[in-house]
Amino acid sequence: METRALDATDPDNRSLAIEEAARLLLAGELVAFPTETVYGLGASALDERAIARVFEVKGRPLDNPLIVHVADIAAIASVALVDERVERLAAAFMPGPLTLVLPARDAVPASARGGLATVAVRIPDHPVALELLRAAGPLVGPSANVSGRPSPTRAAHVIDDLSGRIAAVLDGGPCRVGIESTVLDLSSGDARILRPGLVEPAAIEAVLGAEVATAGGNDRRSPGTRYRHYAPTAAVRLVLAEQPPVIAPGARIVLTTRRHLDRFNGVFVRLLTEERLYALLRDADDAGIEEIVIYAEPGELAPGLLDRVTRAAGAEH
């Protein structure tokens, strides 16, 4: 199979590119599409055969649920049971990098839900994604990469992993957020964050007027919490300490925050941010780097970024 590149970055071609992507999706094909977080591997959320292909192409465990992407709050209600909390959160954070885990409607195949009675759903904050969703309907959209690899934040990353295995990549340019959405469980009473992201607990608590708990990071209702994720081929060493580590010469690179960029001599150093993380991990592999050292002081990294670098290093979180 030849994977087509559909360029939605060119204003003169955007509508045709989105129209072709929607046509392919409605025909049961897989199409990667841009969101504000990472590129998603799109398939119709109501097509069991297409959903099965997503798991096959990614090498994804079947019990790892998929996030359903929709265009608006009305579409959320078509796949999940919605209450007043959902409406308030949607008004505050959607479109945006927040996923809600809700009781599922029967319209969503069990395969998309990992066999659970819940469904994860969100409205992406990307104009190309929203136009595509309006044209093609609800789409599952796990990261468009081989499972376990760093998530793709550019169309070229998708091609690197999935060329020849999916019908097309809809290129909407680089992703501006760069890490996956916050996942908030509203399915069983109290609100609980299952996966940290850019939308942090305090902001959610301000909208709900109630405390938000944080799960232990191993809840099967959320994608990206029970298996090693975001890992390059190179070894990743995470150092959280008051003093930076001594880095021996060799094929190594240091990723660190702005305040520490000048604290390493004789080694490649790159600025660590949410937006840049996955691209940096992939670039290190392309350059033949053998070890990636990620350094920050304790408490310095935001929860979402800390979660991703911890998992990239293969550590428990």
C-alpha atoms as a PDB file:
ATOM      1  CA  MET A   1       0.000   0.000   0.000  1.00  0.00           C
ATOM      2  CA  GLU A   2       1.250   3.468  -0.861  1.00  0.00           C
ATOM      3  CA  THR A   3       0.667   6.004   1.902  1.00  0.00           C
ATOM      4  CA  ARG A   4      -0.483   9.258   0.360  1.00  0.00           C
ATOM      5  CA  ALA A   5       0.521  12.667   1.679  1.00  0.00           C
ATOM      6  CA  LEU A   6      -2.448  15.049   1.786  1.00  0.00           C
ATOM      7  CA  ASP A   7      -1.233  18.609   2.329  1.00  0.00           C
ATOM      8  CA  ALA A   8      -3.629  20.696   4.409  1.00  0.00           C
ATOM      9  CA  THR A   9      -0.975  23.326   5.190  1.00  0.00           C
ATOM     10  CA  ASP A  10      -1.527  24.981   1.805  1.00  0.00           C
ATOM     11  CA  PRO A  11      -4.678  27.159   2.017  1.00  0.00           C
ATOM     12  CA  ASP A  12      -5.399  26.538  -1.669  1.00  0.00           C
ATOM     13  CA  ASN A  13      -5.329  22.765  -1.187  1.00  0.00           C
ATOM     14  CA  ARG A  14      -6.707  22.409   2.341  1.00  0.00           C
ATOM     15  CA  SER A  15     -10.360  21.741   1.531  1.00  0.00           C
ATOM     16  CA  LEU A  16      -9.504  19.143  -1.121  1.00  0.00           C
ATOM     17  CA  ALA A  17      -7.042  17.407   1.218  1.00  0.00           C
ATOM     18  CA  ILE A  18      -9.614  17.194   4.030  1.00  0.00           C
ATOM     19  CA  GLU A  19     -12.316  16.047   1.611  1.00  0.00           C
ATOM     20  CA  GLU A  20     -10.090  13.221   0.350  1.00  0.00           C
ATOM     21  CA  ALA A  21      -9.128  12.207   3.882  1.00  0.00           C
ATOM     22  CA  ALA A  22     -12.814  12.044   4.861  1.00  0.00           C
ATOM     23  CA  ARG A  23     -13.615   9.966   1.789  1.00  0.00           C
ATOM     24  CA  LEU A  24     -10.931   7.442   2.689  1.00  0.00           C
ATOM     25  CA  LEU A  25     -12.080   7.238   6.317  1.00  0.00           C
ATOM     26  CA  LEU A  26     -15.713   6.720   5.341  1.00  0.00           C
ATOM     27  CA  ALA A  27     -14.543   3.902   3.047  1.00  0.00           C
ATOM     28  CA  GLY A  28     -12.976   2.150   6.060  1.00  0.00           C
ATOM     29  CA  GLU A  29      -9.365   3.217   5.484  1.00  0.00           C
ATOM     30  CA  LEU A  30      -6.894   4.517   8.077  1.00  0.00           C
ATOM     31  CA  VAL A  31      -5.760   8.138   7.818  1.00  0.00           C
ATOM     32  CA  ALA A  32      -3.403   9.935  10.216  1.00  0.00           C
ATOM     33  CA  PHE A  33      -4.553  13.438  11.094  1.00  0.00           C
ATOM     34  CA  PRO A  34      -3.163  16.378  13.084  1.00  0.00           C
ATOM     35  CA  THR A  35      -4.369  17.527  16.476  1.00  0.00           C
ATOM     36  CA  GLU A  36      -2.963  20.126  18.845  1.00  0.00           C
ATOM     37  CA  THR A  37      -1.361  17.354  20.942  1.00  0.00           C
ATOM     38  CA  VAL A  38       0.055  14.693  18.565  1.00  0.00           C
ATOM     39  CA  TYR A  39      -0.915  13.162  15.219  1.00  0.00           C
ATOM     40  CA  GLY A  40      -3.723  10.622  15.595  1.00  0.00           C
ATOM     41  CA  LEU A  41      -4.255   7.414  13.635  1.00  0.00           C
ATOM     42  CA  GLY A  42      -7.791   7.966  12.424  1.00  0.00           C
ATOM     43  CA  ALA A  43     -10.462   5.368  11.747  1.00  0.00           C
ATOM     44  CA  SER A  44     -14.221   5.587  11.971  1.00  0.00           C
ATOM     45  CA  ALA A  45     -15.188   5.135  15.618  1.00  0.00           C
ATOM     46  CA  LEU A  46     -18.252   3.177  14.509  1.00  0.00           C
ATOM     47  CA  ASP A  47     -16.478   0.756  12.137  1.00  0.00           C
ATOM     48  CA  GLU A  48     -15.280  -2.392  13.917  1.00  0.00           C
ATOM     49  CA  ARG A  49     -13.154  -3.586  10.997  1.00  0.00           C
ATOM     50  CA  ALA A  50     -11.341  -0.259  10.738  1.00  0.00           C
ATOM     51  CA  ILE A  51     -10.798  -0.196  14.507  1.00  0.00           C
ATOM     52  CA  ALA A  52      -9.301  -3.694  14.362  1.00  0.00           C
ATOM     53  CA  ARG A  53      -6.862  -2.438  11.716  1.00  0.00           C
ATOM     54  CA  VAL A  54      -5.741   0.376  14.053  1.00  0.00           C
ATOM     55  CA  PHE A  55      -4.694  -2.162  16.692  1.00  0.00           C
ATOM     56  CA  GLU A  56      -3.004  -4.317  14.044  1.00  0.00           C
ATOM     57  CA  VAL A  57      -1.074  -1.475  12.394  1.00  0.00           C
ATOM     58  CA  LYS A  58       0.140  -0.017  15.690  1.00  0.00           C
ATOM     59  CA  GLY A  59       0.860  -3.342  17.369  1.00  0.00           C
ATOM     60  CA  ARG A  60      -1.323  -2.058  20.196  1.00  0.00           C
ATOM     61  CA  PRO A  61      -2.621  -4.334  23.001  1.00  0.00           C
ATOM     62  CA  LEU A  62      -6.330  -4.982  22.508  1.00  0.00           C
ATOM     63  CA  ASP A  63      -7.150  -4.038  26.104  1.00  0.00           C
ATOM     64  CA  ASN A  64      -5.708  -0.536  25.660  1.00  0.00           C
ATOM     65  CA  PRO A  65      -8.749   1.677  24.906  1.00  0.00           C
ATOM     66  CA  LEU A  66      -8.807   4.281  22.148  1.00  0.00           C
ATOM     67  CA  ILE A  67      -9.848   7.918  22.451  1.00  0.00           C
ATOM     68  CA  VAL A  68     -12.812   8.907  20.307  1.00  0.00           C
ATOM     69  CA  HIS A  69     -12.382  12.339  18.725  1.00  0.00           C
ATOM     70  CA  VAL A  70     -15.502  14.366  17.957  1.00  0.00           C
ATOM     71  CA  ALA A  71     -16.288  17.825  16.607  1.00  0.00           C
ATOM     72  CA  ASP A  72     -18.570  19.244  19.316  1.00  0.00           C
ATOM     73  CA  ILE A  73     -20.470  18.623  22.551  1.00  0.00           C
ATOM     74  CA  ALA A  74     -23.478  17.236  20.658  1.00  0.00           C
ATOM     75  CA  ALA A  75     -21.200  14.583  19.174  1.00  0.00           C
ATOM     76  CA  ILE A  76     -19.910  13.707  22.654  1.00  0.00           C
ATOM     77  CA  ALA A  77     -23.507  12.979  23.635  1.00  0.00           C
ATOM     78  CA  SER A  78     -23.853  10.655  20.646  1.00  0.00           C
ATOM     79  CA  VAL A  79     -21.138   8.321  21.967  1.00  0.00           C
ATOM     80  CA  ALA A  80     -21.319   8.816  25.748  1.00  0.00           C
ATOM     81  CA  LEU A  81     -23.679   9.704  28.574  1.00  0.00           C
ATOM     82  CA  VAL A  82     -23.275  13.397  29.353  1.00  0.00           C
ATOM     83  CA  ASP A  83     -24.048  15.184  32.612  1.00  0.00           C
ATOM     84  CA  GLU A  84     -23.785  18.762  33.836  1.00  0.00           C
ATOM     85  CA  ARG A  85     -20.097  18.347  34.713  1.00  0.00           C
ATOM     86  CA  VAL A  86     -19.303  17.413  31.131  1.00  0.00           C
ATOM     87  CA  GLU A  87     -21.068  20.505  29.847  1.00  0.00           C
ATOM     88  CA  ARG A  88     -19.119  22.765  32.221  1.00  0.00           C
ATOM     89  CA  LEU A  89     -15.777  21.197  31.377  1.00  0.00           C
ATOM     90  CA  ALA A  90     -16.496  21.326  27.662  1.00  0.00           C
ATOM     91  CA  ALA A  91     -17.339  25.014  27.911  1.00  0.00           C
ATOM     92  CA  ALA A  92     -14.070  25.695  29.750  1.00  0.00           C
ATOM     93  CA  PHE A  93     -11.563  23.454  27.982  1.00  0.00           C
ATOM     94  CA  MET A  94     -12.947  22.231  24.658  1.00  0.00           C
ATOM     95  CA  PRO A  95     -11.790  22.209  21.996  1.00  0.00           C
ATOM     96  CA  GLY A  96      -8.563  21.425  23.818  1.00  0.00           C
ATOM     97  CA  PRO A  97      -6.236  18.811  25.314  1.00  0.00           C
ATOM     98  CA  LEU A  98      -8.721  17.282  27.758  1.00  0.00           C
ATOM     99  CA  THR A  99     -10.171  13.777  27.393  1.00  0.00           C
ATOM    100  CA  LEU A 100     -13.164  12.656  29.438  1.00  0.00           C
ATOM    101  CA  VAL A 101     -13.844   9.028  30.380  1.00  0.00           C
ATOM    102  CA  LEU A 102     -17.622   8.587  30.447  1.00  0.00           C
ATOM    103  CA  PRO A 103     -20.228   5.811  30.419  1.00  0.00           C
ATOM    104  CA  ALA A 104     -20.361   4.640  26.804  1.00  0.00           C
ATOM    105  CA  ARG A 105     -23.327   4.419  24.494  1.00  0.00           C
ATOM    106  CA  ASP A 106     -23.813   1.191  22.548  1.00  0.00           C
ATOM    107  CA  ALA A 107     -22.933   2.954  19.274  1.00  0.00           C
ATOM    108  CA  VAL A 108     -19.226   2.718  20.136  1.00  0.00           C
ATOM    109  CA  PRO A 109     -17.898  -0.808  19.486  1.00  0.00           C
ATOM    110  CA  ALA A 110     -16.477  -2.611  22.508  1.00  0.00           C
ATOM    111  CA  SER A 111     -13.191  -3.002  20.637  1.00  0.00           C
ATOM    112  CA  ALA A 112     -12.667   0.778  20.672  1.00  0.00           C
ATOM    113  CA  ARG A 113     -13.326   0.795  24.430  1.00  0.00           C
ATOM    114  CA  GLY A 114     -10.909  -2.018  25.278  1.00  0.00           C
ATOM    115  CA  GLY A 115     -13.938  -4.080  26.318  1.00  0.00           C
ATOM    116  CA  LEU A 116     -14.931  -1.579  28.997  1.00  0.00           C
ATOM    117  CA  ALA A 117     -18.299   0.034  29.703  1.00  0.00           C
ATOM    118  CA  THR A 118     -16.670   3.452  29.391  1.00  0.00           C
ATOM    119  CA  VAL A 119     -15.458   5.508  26.448  1.00  0.00           C
ATOM    120  CA  ALA A 120     -12.716   8.145  26.323  1.00  0.00           C
ATOM    121  CA  VAL A 121     -13.719  11.156  24.239  1.00  0.00           C
ATOM    122  CA  ARG A 122     -12.375  14.604  23.391  1.00  0.00           C
ATOM    123  CA  ILE A 123     -12.697  17.563  21.004  1.00  0.00           C
ATOM    124  CA  PRO A 124      -9.284  18.405  19.496  1.00  0.00           C
ATOM    125  CA  ASP A 125      -8.212  22.022  19.182  1.00  0.00           C
ATOM    126  CA  HIS A 126      -6.961  21.954  15.615  1.00  0.00           C
ATOM    127  CA  PRO A 127      -8.853  23.487  12.659  1.00  0.00           C
ATOM    128  CA  VAL A 128      -7.915  20.685  10.252  1.00  0.00           C
ATOM    129  CA  ALA A 129      -8.990  17.997  12.746  1.00  0.00           C
ATOM    130  CA  LEU A 130     -12.305  19.728  13.396  1.00  0.00           C
ATOM    131  CA  GLU A 131     -13.085  20.069   9.687  1.00  0.00           C
ATOM    132  CA  LEU A 132     -12.225  16.408   9.183  1.00  0.00           C
ATOM    133  CA  LEU A 133     -14.455  15.327  12.076  1.00  0.00           C
ATOM    134  CA  ARG A 134     -17.373  17.337  10.721  1.00  0.00           C
ATOM    135  CA  ALA A 135     -16.949  15.610   7.373  1.00  0.00           C
ATOM    136  CA  ALA A 136     -16.190  12.059   8.542  1.00  0.00           C
ATOM    137  CA  GLY A 137     -17.912  11.807  11.932  1.00  0.00           C
ATOM    138  CA  PRO A 138     -16.371  10.487  15.174  1.00  0.00           C
ATOM    139  CA  LEU A 139     -12.888   9.014  14.768  1.00  0.00           C
ATOM    140  CA  VAL A 140     -10.700   6.959  17.031  1.00  0.00           C
ATOM    141  CA  GLY A 141      -7.313   8.621  17.109  1.00  0.00           C
ATOM    142  CA  PRO A 142      -4.505   6.969  19.082  1.00  0.00           C
ATOM    143  CA  SER A 143      -1.051   8.344  18.358  1.00  0.00           C
ATOM    144  CA  ALA A 144      -0.089   7.566  14.762  1.00  0.00           C
ATOM    145  CA  ASN A 145       3.041   5.577  15.557  1.00  0.00           C
ATOM    146  CA  VAL A 146       4.125   2.056  16.370  1.00  0.00           C
ATOM    147  CA  SER A 147       3.068   1.387  19.970  1.00  0.00           C
ATOM    148  CA  GLY A 148       5.759   2.261  22.479  1.00  0.00           C
ATOM    149  CA  ARG A 149       7.604   4.678  20.175  1.00  0.00           C
ATOM    150  CA  PRO A 150       7.695   8.455  20.746  1.00  0.00           C
ATOM    151  CA  SER A 151       4.425   9.953  19.572  1.00  0.00           C
ATOM    152  CA  PRO A 152       4.447  11.815  16.244  1.00  0.00           C
ATOM    153  CA  THR A 153       4.208  15.596  16.306  1.00  0.00           C
ATOM    154  CA  ARG A 154       4.913  16.081  12.590  1.00  0.00           C
ATOM    155  CA  ALA A 155       3.561  14.334   9.508  1.00  0.00           C
ATOM    156  CA  ALA A 156       7.097  13.104   8.721  1.00  0.00           C
ATOM    157  CA  HIS A 157       7.132  11.174  12.017  1.00  0.00           C
ATOM    158  CA  VAL A 158       4.006   9.293  10.917  1.00  0.00           C
ATOM    159  CA  ILE A 159       5.625   8.402   7.605  1.00  0.00           C
ATOM    160  CA  ASP A 160       8.713   7.141   9.448  1.00  0.00           C
ATOM    161  CA  ASP A 161       6.617   4.657  11.450  1.00  0.00           C
ATOM    162  CA  LEU A 162       3.634   3.778   9.282  1.00  0.00           C
ATOM    163  CA  SER A 163       4.480   4.353   5.623  1.00  0.00           C
ATOM    164  CA  GLY A 164       2.960   1.616   3.488  1.00  0.00           C
ATOM    165  CA  ARG A 165       0.617   0.525   6.269  1.00  0.00           C
ATOM    166  CA  ILE A 166      -2.062   3.253   6.166  1.00  0.00           C
ATOM    167  CA  ALA A 167      -3.891   4.964   3.321  1.00  0.00           C
ATOM    168  CA  ALA A 168      -2.828   8.566   3.950  1.00  0.00           C
ATOM    169  CA  VAL A 169      -1.400  11.214   6.235  1.00  0.00           C
ATOM    170  CA  LEU A 170      -3.260  14.524   6.427  1.00  0.00           C
ATOM    171  CA  ASP A 171      -0.480  17.053   7.016  1.00  0.00           C
ATOM    172  CA  GLY A 172      -1.592  19.952   9.201  1.00  0.00           C
ATOM    173  CA  GLY A 173       1.871  21.118  10.237  1.00  0.00           C
ATOM    174  CA  PRO A 174       3.665  20.630  13.576  1.00  0.00           C
ATOM    175  CA  CYS A 175       1.580  19.983  16.699  1.00  0.00           C
ATOM    176  CA  ARG A 176       1.697  22.970  19.051  1.00  0.00           C
ATOM    177  CA  VAL A 177       1.102  21.197  22.410  1.00  0.00           C
ATOM    178  CA  GLY A 178       3.302  18.170  21.813  1.00  0.00           C
ATOM    179  CA  ILE A 179       2.150  15.742  24.520  1.00  0.00           C
ATOM    180  CA  GLU A 180      -1.092  13.811  24.810  1.00  0.00           C
ATOM    181  CA  SER A 181      -4.212  15.137  26.489  1.00  0.00           C
ATOM    182  CA  THR A 182      -5.081  15.062  30.165  1.00  0.00           C
ATOM    183  CA  VAL A 183      -7.456  12.144  30.789  1.00  0.00           C
ATOM    184  CA  LEU A 184     -10.177  12.811  33.396  1.00  0.00           C
ATOM    185  CA  ASP A 185     -12.449  10.003  34.584  1.00  0.00           C
ATOM    186  CA  LEU A 186     -16.051  11.046  35.304  1.00  0.00           C
ATOM    187  CA  SER A 187     -17.526   7.562  34.981  1.00  0.00           C
ATOM    188  CA  SER A 188     -17.719   6.541  38.614  1.00  0.00           C
ATOM    189  CA  GLY A 189     -18.680   9.483  40.770  1.00  0.00           C
ATOM    190  CA  ASP A 190     -15.756  11.638  41.841  1.00  0.00           C
ATOM    191  CA  ALA A 191     -13.514  13.124  39.170  1.00  0.00           C
ATOM    192  CA  ARG A 192     -10.072  11.496  38.858  1.00  0.00           C
ATOM    193  CA  ILE A 193      -7.147  12.284  36.596  1.00  0.00           C
ATOM    194  CA  LEU A 194      -5.949   9.067  34.982  1.00  0.00           C
ATOM    195  CA  ARG A 195      -3.241  10.630  32.814  1.00  0.00           C
ATOM    196  CA  PRO A 196      -1.673  14.058  33.394  1.00  0.00           C
ATOM    197  CA  GLY A 197      -1.368  16.566  30.597  1.00  0.00           C
ATOM    198  CA  LEU A 198      -1.478  20.274  29.877  1.00  0.00           C
ATOM    199  CA  VAL A 199      -4.822  20.771  31.659  1.00  0.00           C
ATOM    200  CA  GLU A 200      -3.838  20.512  35.322  1.00  0.00           C
ATOM    201  CA  PRO A 201      -5.920  19.531  38.387  1.00  0.00           C
ATOM    202  CA  ALA A 202      -6.254  23.053  39.792  1.00  0.00           C
ATOM    203  CA  ALA A 203      -7.860  24.327  36.598  1.00  0.00           C
ATOM    204  CA  ILE A 204     -10.335  21.436  36.560  1.00  0.00           C
ATOM    205  CA  GLU A 205     -11.142  21.909  40.246  1.00  0.00           C
ATOM    206  CA  ALA A 206     -11.888  25.596  39.611  1.00  0.00           C
ATOM    207  CA  VAL A 207     -14.504  24.617  37.019  1.00  0.00           C
ATOM    208  CA  LEU A 208     -16.066  21.719  38.946  1.00  0.00           C
ATOM    209  CA  GLY A 209     -15.911  23.364  42.370  1.00  0.00           C
ATOM    210  CA  ALA A 210     -14.698  20.072  43.820  1.00  0.00           C
ATOM    211  CA  GLU A 211     -11.432  18.305  44.530  1.00  0.00           C
ATOM    212  CA  VAL A 212      -9.988  16.200  41.742  1.00  0.00           C
ATOM    213  CA  ALA A 213      -8.133  13.035  42.711  1.00  0.00           C
ATOM    214  CA  THR A 214      -5.160  11.629  40.820  1.00  0.00           C
ATOM    215  CA  ALA A 215      -5.035   7.925  40.028  1.00  0.00           C
ATOM    216  CA  GLY A 216      -1.904   5.878  40.441  1.00  0.00           C
ATOM    217  CA  GLY A 217      -1.124   5.901  36.735  1.00  0.00           C
ATOM    218  CA  ASN A 218      -2.151   2.318  35.956  1.00  0.00           C
ATOM    219  CA  ASP A 219      -5.879   2.536  35.278  1.00  0.00           C
ATOM    220  CA  ARG A 220      -6.969   0.572  32.221  1.00  0.00           C
ATOM    221  CA  ARG A 221      -9.756   3.050  31.434  1.00  0.00           C
ATOM    222  CA  SER A 222      -7.122   5.437  30.106  1.00  0.00           C
ATOM    223  CA  PRO A 223      -4.755   4.946  27.188  1.00  0.00           C
ATOM    224  CA  GLY A 224      -1.047   5.464  27.770  1.00  0.00           C
ATOM    225  CA  THR A 225      -0.880   4.350  31.408  1.00  0.00           C
ATOM    226  CA  ARG A 226      -0.157   0.606  31.622  1.00  0.00           C
ATOM    227  CA  TYR A 227       2.547  -0.069  29.063  1.00  0.00           C
ATOM    228  CA  ARG A 228       5.922   1.476  28.306  1.00  0.00           C
ATOM    229  CA  HIS A 229       5.320   4.463  26.036  1.00  0.00           C
ATOM    230  CA  TYR A 230       7.114   7.277  24.277  1.00  0.00           C
ATOM    231  CA  ALA A 231      10.460   5.419  24.159  1.00  0.00           C
ATOM    232  CA  PRO A 232      13.145   5.906  21.500  1.00  0.00           C
ATOM    233  CA  THR A 233      15.639   3.225  20.540  1.00  0.00           C
ATOM    234  CA  ALA A 234      18.346   5.023  22.494  1.00  0.00           C
ATOM    235  CA  ALA A 235      18.582   4.383  26.223  1.00  0.00           C
ATOM    236  CA  VAL A 236      16.873   7.104  28.278  1.00  0.00           C
ATOM    237  CA  ARG A 237      18.185   8.059  31.723  1.00  0.00           C
ATOM    238  CA  LEU A 238      16.048  10.393  33.829  1.00  0.00           C
ATOM    239  CA  VAL A 239      17.900  12.342  36.530  1.00  0.00           C
ATOM    240  CA  LEU A 240      15.868  14.398  39.009  1.00  0.00           C
ATOM    241  CA  ALA A 241      18.373  15.940  41.424  1.00  0.00           C
ATOM    242  CA  GLU A 242      19.594  19.237  42.819  1.00  0.00           C
ATOM    243  CA  GLN A 243      22.902  18.855  41.010  1.00  0.00           C
ATOM    244  CA  PRO A 244      23.296  17.823  37.357  1.00  0.00           C
ATOM    245  CA  PRO A 245      24.963  14.497  36.612  1.00  0.00           C
ATOM    246  CA  VAL A 246      28.462  14.174  35.226  1.00  0.00           C
ATOM    247  CA  ILE A 247      28.124  13.107  31.596  1.00  0.00           C
ATOM    248  CA  ALA A 248      30.924  10.997  30.145  1.00  0.00           C
ATOM    249  CA  PRO A 249      32.038  11.655  26.560  1.00  0.00           C
ATOM    250  CA  GLY A 250      30.401   9.623  23.829  1.00  0.00           C
ATOM    251  CA  ALA A 251      27.229   9.385  21.787  1.00  0.00           C
ATOM    252  CA  ARG A 252      25.065  11.098  24.379  1.00  0.00           C
ATOM    253  CA  ILE A 253      22.733  14.073  24.478  1.00  0.00           C
ATOM    254  CA  VAL A 254      21.245  15.989  27.407  1.00  0.00           C
ATOM    255  CA  LEU A 255      17.689  17.291  27.408  1.00  0.00           C
ATOM    256  CA  THR A 256      17.080  19.865  30.106  1.00  0.00           C
ATOM    257  CA  THR A 257      15.146  23.001  31.002  1.00  0.00           C
ATOM    258  CA  ARG A 258      16.235  26.506  30.129  1.00  0.00           C
ATOM    259  CA  ARG A 259      17.805  27.211  33.526  1.00  0.00           C
ATOM    260  CA  HIS A 260      20.283  24.341  33.131  1.00  0.00           C
ATOM    261  CA  LEU A 261      21.360  24.730  29.501  1.00  0.00           C
ATOM    262  CA  ASP A 262      24.755  26.194  30.470  1.00  0.00           C
ATOM    263  CA  ARG A 263      25.566  23.599  33.148  1.00  0.00           C
ATOM    264  CA  PHE A 264      26.867  20.898  30.783  1.00  0.00           C
ATOM    265  CA  ASN A 265      30.190  21.082  28.941  1.00  0.00           C
ATOM    266  CA  GLY A 266      31.479  18.906  26.140  1.00  0.00           C
ATOM    267  CA  VAL A 267      28.140  17.309  25.354  1.00  0.00           C
ATOM    268  CA  PHE A 268      25.183  18.099  23.118  1.00  0.00           C
ATOM    269  CA  VAL A 269      22.447  19.875  25.090  1.00  0.00           C
ATOM    270  CA  ARG A 270      18.908  20.605  23.893  1.00  0.00           C
ATOM    271  CA  LEU A 271      16.012  22.514  25.464  1.00  0.00           C
ATOM    272  CA  LEU A 272      13.341  20.238  26.945  1.00  0.00           C
ATOM    273  CA  THR A 273       9.704  21.330  26.578  1.00  0.00           C
ATOM    274  CA  GLU A 274       6.408  19.519  26.013  1.00  0.00           C
ATOM    275  CA  GLU A 275       6.262  20.752  22.432  1.00  0.00           C
ATOM    276  CA  ARG A 276       9.783  19.537  21.604  1.00  0.00           C
ATOM    277  CA  LEU A 277      10.043  16.294  23.600  1.00  0.00           C
ATOM    278  CA  TYR A 278       8.977  13.659  21.075  1.00  0.00           C
ATOM    279  CA  ALA A 279      10.755  15.316  18.158  1.00  0.00           C
ATOM    280  CA  LEU A 280      13.960  15.453  20.230  1.00  0.00           C
ATOM    281  CA  LEU A 281      13.693  11.750  21.075  1.00  0.00           C
ATOM    282  CA  ARG A 282      13.192  10.865  17.420  1.00  0.00           C
ATOM    283  CA  ASP A 283      15.992  13.183  16.262  1.00  0.00           C
ATOM    284  CA  ALA A 284      18.355  11.515  18.738  1.00  0.00           C
ATOM    285  CA  ASP A 285      17.622   8.123  17.197  1.00  0.00           C
ATOM    286  CA  ASP A 286      18.152   9.494  13.692  1.00  0.00           C
ATOM    287  CA  ALA A 287      21.542  10.880  14.787  1.00  0.00           C
ATOM    288  CA  GLY A 288      22.677   7.545  16.241  1.00  0.00           C
ATOM    289  CA  ILE A 289      22.675   8.762  19.845  1.00  0.00           C
ATOM    290  CA  GLU A 290      23.182   5.871  22.270  1.00  0.00           C
ATOM    291  CA  GLU A 291      21.996   7.522  25.488  1.00  0.00           C
ATOM    292  CA  ILE A 292      19.623  10.401  26.207  1.00  0.00           C
ATOM    293  CA  VAL A 293      20.007  11.978  29.632  1.00  0.00           C
ATOM    294  CA  ILE A 294      17.005  13.998  30.814  1.00  0.00           C
ATOM    295  CA  TYR A 295      17.843  16.295  33.708  1.00  0.00           C
ATOM    296  CA  ALA A 296      15.729  18.569  35.897  1.00  0.00           C
ATOM    297  CA  GLU A 297      15.565  19.560  39.529  1.00  0.00           C
ATOM    298  CA  PRO A 298      12.905  17.833  41.672  1.00  0.00           C
ATOM    299  CA  GLY A 299       9.522  19.509  41.184  1.00  0.00           C
ATOM    300  CA  GLU A 300      10.715  21.476  38.153  1.00  0.00           C
ATOM    301  CA  LEU A 301       8.789  19.622  35.432  1.00  0.00           C
ATOM    302  CA  ALA A 302       5.050  20.040  34.956  1.00  0.00           C
ATOM    303  CA  PRO A 303       3.062  16.839  35.692  1.00  0.00           C
ATOM    304  CA  GLY A 304       2.359  15.990  32.061  1.00  0.00           C
ATOM    305  CA  LEU A 305       5.965  16.371  30.964  1.00  0.00           C
ATOM    306  CA  LEU A 306       7.240  14.479  34.020  1.00  0.00           C
ATOM    307  CA  ASP A 307       4.877  11.602  33.230  1.00  0.00           C
ATOM    308  CA  ARG A 308       6.102  11.340  29.622  1.00  0.00           C
ATOM    309  CA  VAL A 309       9.831  11.427  30.396  1.00  0.00           C
ATOM    310  CA  THR A 310       9.342   8.935  33.229  1.00  0.00           C
ATOM    311  CA  ARG A 311       7.616   6.507  30.882  1.00  0.00           C
ATOM    312  CA  ALA A 312      10.173   7.107  28.123  1.00  0.00           C
ATOM    313  CA  ALA A 313      12.838   6.057  30.603  1.00  0.00           C
ATOM    314  CA  GLY A 314      10.867   2.915  31.410  1.00  0.00           C
ATOM    315  CA  ALA A 315      10.522   3.804  35.070  1.00  0.00           C
ATOM    316  CA  GLU A 316       7.518   3.325  37.312  1.00  0.00           C
ATOM    317  CA  HIS A 317       5.397   6.440  37.910  1.00  0.00           C
END
